[in-house]
Amino acid sequence: MEKILVNLERDEEQNIEKIFGRLNSLNNLSLTFAANNKLFDEKSVLYDKVLTDIQETQKKYDTWWKEIVEKYNLESYVLNKLSVNFRTQNLELLS
């Protein structure tokens, strides 16, 4: 069972849900393209665009977590044990 640490504000939850969805979509896109090397080789413009977008989105994801950890004084928790429940807006500690 997860322990609820924080009930996030609606805009905080919406922001991370959008970032998380984009990051997952980009990762899935890169995996799909990687299966067809002709469309997505390391020298293509598409490869560069997707890679850049993944890096920028990952930075947004990391920044969001850093700001939330600081705002709610969660420094004592291991970051990879924290999770956002998009349905309830709760930030939870995974067991």
Protein backbone atom coordinates (compact mmCIF):
# COMPACT_ATOMS: atom_id res chain seq x y z
CA MET A 1 0.00 0.00 0.00
CA GLU A 2 1.23 3.47 -0.87
CA LYS A 3 1.59 6.21 1.72
CA ILE A 4 0.12 9.57 0.68
CA LEU A 5 2.68 12.30 1.29
CA VAL A 6 1.11 15.29 -0.47
CA ASN A 7 -2.08 16.20 -2.25
CA LEU A 8 -0.72 18.15 -5.21
CA GLU A 9 -2.32 21.28 -6.54
CA ARG A 10 -4.29 20.64 -9.74
CA ASP A 11 -1.86 22.60 -11.94
CA GLU A 12 1.12 20.68 -10.50
CA GLU A 13 -0.53 17.36 -11.27
CA GLN A 14 -1.59 18.47 -14.76
CA ASN A 15 1.91 19.72 -15.53
CA ILE A 16 3.67 16.47 -14.60
CA GLU A 17 0.99 14.37 -16.30
CA LYS A 18 1.60 16.28 -19.54
CA ILE A 19 5.39 15.99 -19.23
CA PHE A 20 5.18 12.30 -18.32
CA GLY A 21 2.89 11.56 -21.25
CA ARG A 22 5.14 13.39 -23.68
CA LEU A 23 8.25 11.61 -22.42
CA ASN A 24 6.58 8.21 -22.75
CA SER A 25 5.33 9.06 -26.25
CA LEU A 26 8.76 10.19 -27.38
CA ASN A 27 10.42 7.09 -25.98
CA ASN A 28 7.85 4.87 -27.70
CA LEU A 29 8.34 6.79 -30.94
CA SER A 30 12.10 6.33 -30.81
CA LEU A 31 11.67 2.58 -30.17
CA THR A 32 9.28 2.28 -33.10
CA PHE A 33 11.62 4.15 -35.42
CA ALA A 34 14.64 2.22 -34.17
CA ALA A 35 13.01 -0.95 -35.45
CA ASN A 36 13.21 0.52 -38.96
CA ASN A 37 16.77 1.77 -39.39
CA LYS A 38 16.06 3.34 -42.78
CA LEU A 39 13.63 5.83 -41.24
CA PHE A 40 15.57 6.54 -38.11
CA ASP A 41 19.32 6.26 -38.32
CA GLU A 42 21.72 8.26 -36.20
CA LYS A 43 22.49 10.61 -39.07
CA SER A 44 18.92 11.61 -39.86
CA VAL A 45 17.25 14.92 -39.07
CA LEU A 46 14.34 13.03 -37.50
CA TYR A 47 16.71 11.23 -35.13
CA ASP A 48 18.22 14.56 -34.05
CA LYS A 49 14.79 16.14 -33.50
CA VAL A 50 13.46 13.24 -31.44
CA LEU A 51 16.65 12.98 -29.39
CA THR A 52 16.63 16.73 -28.68
CA ASP A 53 12.95 16.62 -27.70
CA ILE A 54 13.56 13.67 -25.37
CA GLN A 55 16.44 15.51 -23.68
CA GLU A 56 14.42 18.72 -23.28
CA THR A 57 11.40 16.86 -21.93
CA GLN A 58 13.58 14.88 -19.51
CA LYS A 59 14.97 18.19 -18.20
CA LYS A 60 11.42 19.45 -17.61
CA TYR A 61 10.57 16.19 -15.81
CA ASP A 62 13.67 16.42 -13.59
CA THR A 63 13.04 20.11 -12.86
CA TRP A 64 9.42 19.41 -11.90
CA TRP A 65 10.53 16.76 -9.41
CA LYS A 66 13.27 18.99 -7.98
CA GLU A 67 10.79 21.84 -7.43
CA ILE A 68 8.16 19.56 -5.85
CA VAL A 69 10.69 17.91 -3.53
CA GLU A 70 11.86 21.34 -2.37
CA LYS A 71 8.36 22.84 -2.07
CA TYR A 72 7.00 20.00 0.04
CA ASN A 73 10.22 19.25 1.97
CA LEU A 74 10.56 15.71 0.66
CA GLU A 75 14.37 15.62 0.61
CA SER A 76 14.45 12.73 3.08
CA TYR A 77 12.70 10.41 0.62
CA VAL A 78 14.36 8.41 -2.15
CA LEU A 79 13.18 10.00 -5.39
CA ASN A 80 12.58 6.75 -7.27
CA LYS A 81 10.19 5.69 -4.48
CA LEU A 82 7.92 8.69 -5.11
CA SER A 83 5.03 8.50 -7.54
CA VAL A 84 2.19 10.73 -8.68
CA ASN A 85 -1.28 9.22 -8.82
CA PHE A 86 -2.87 11.15 -11.69
CA ARG A 87 -6.35 10.04 -10.71
CA THR A 88 -6.20 11.35 -7.12
CA GLN A 89 -3.53 14.09 -7.50
CA ASN A 90 -1.62 12.48 -4.62
CA LEU A 91 2.11 12.23 -4.43
CA GLU A 92 2.71 8.84 -2.88
CA LEU A 93 5.56 6.89 -1.36
CA LEU A 94 5.76 3.46 -2.97
CA SER A 95 6.29 0.51 -0.68
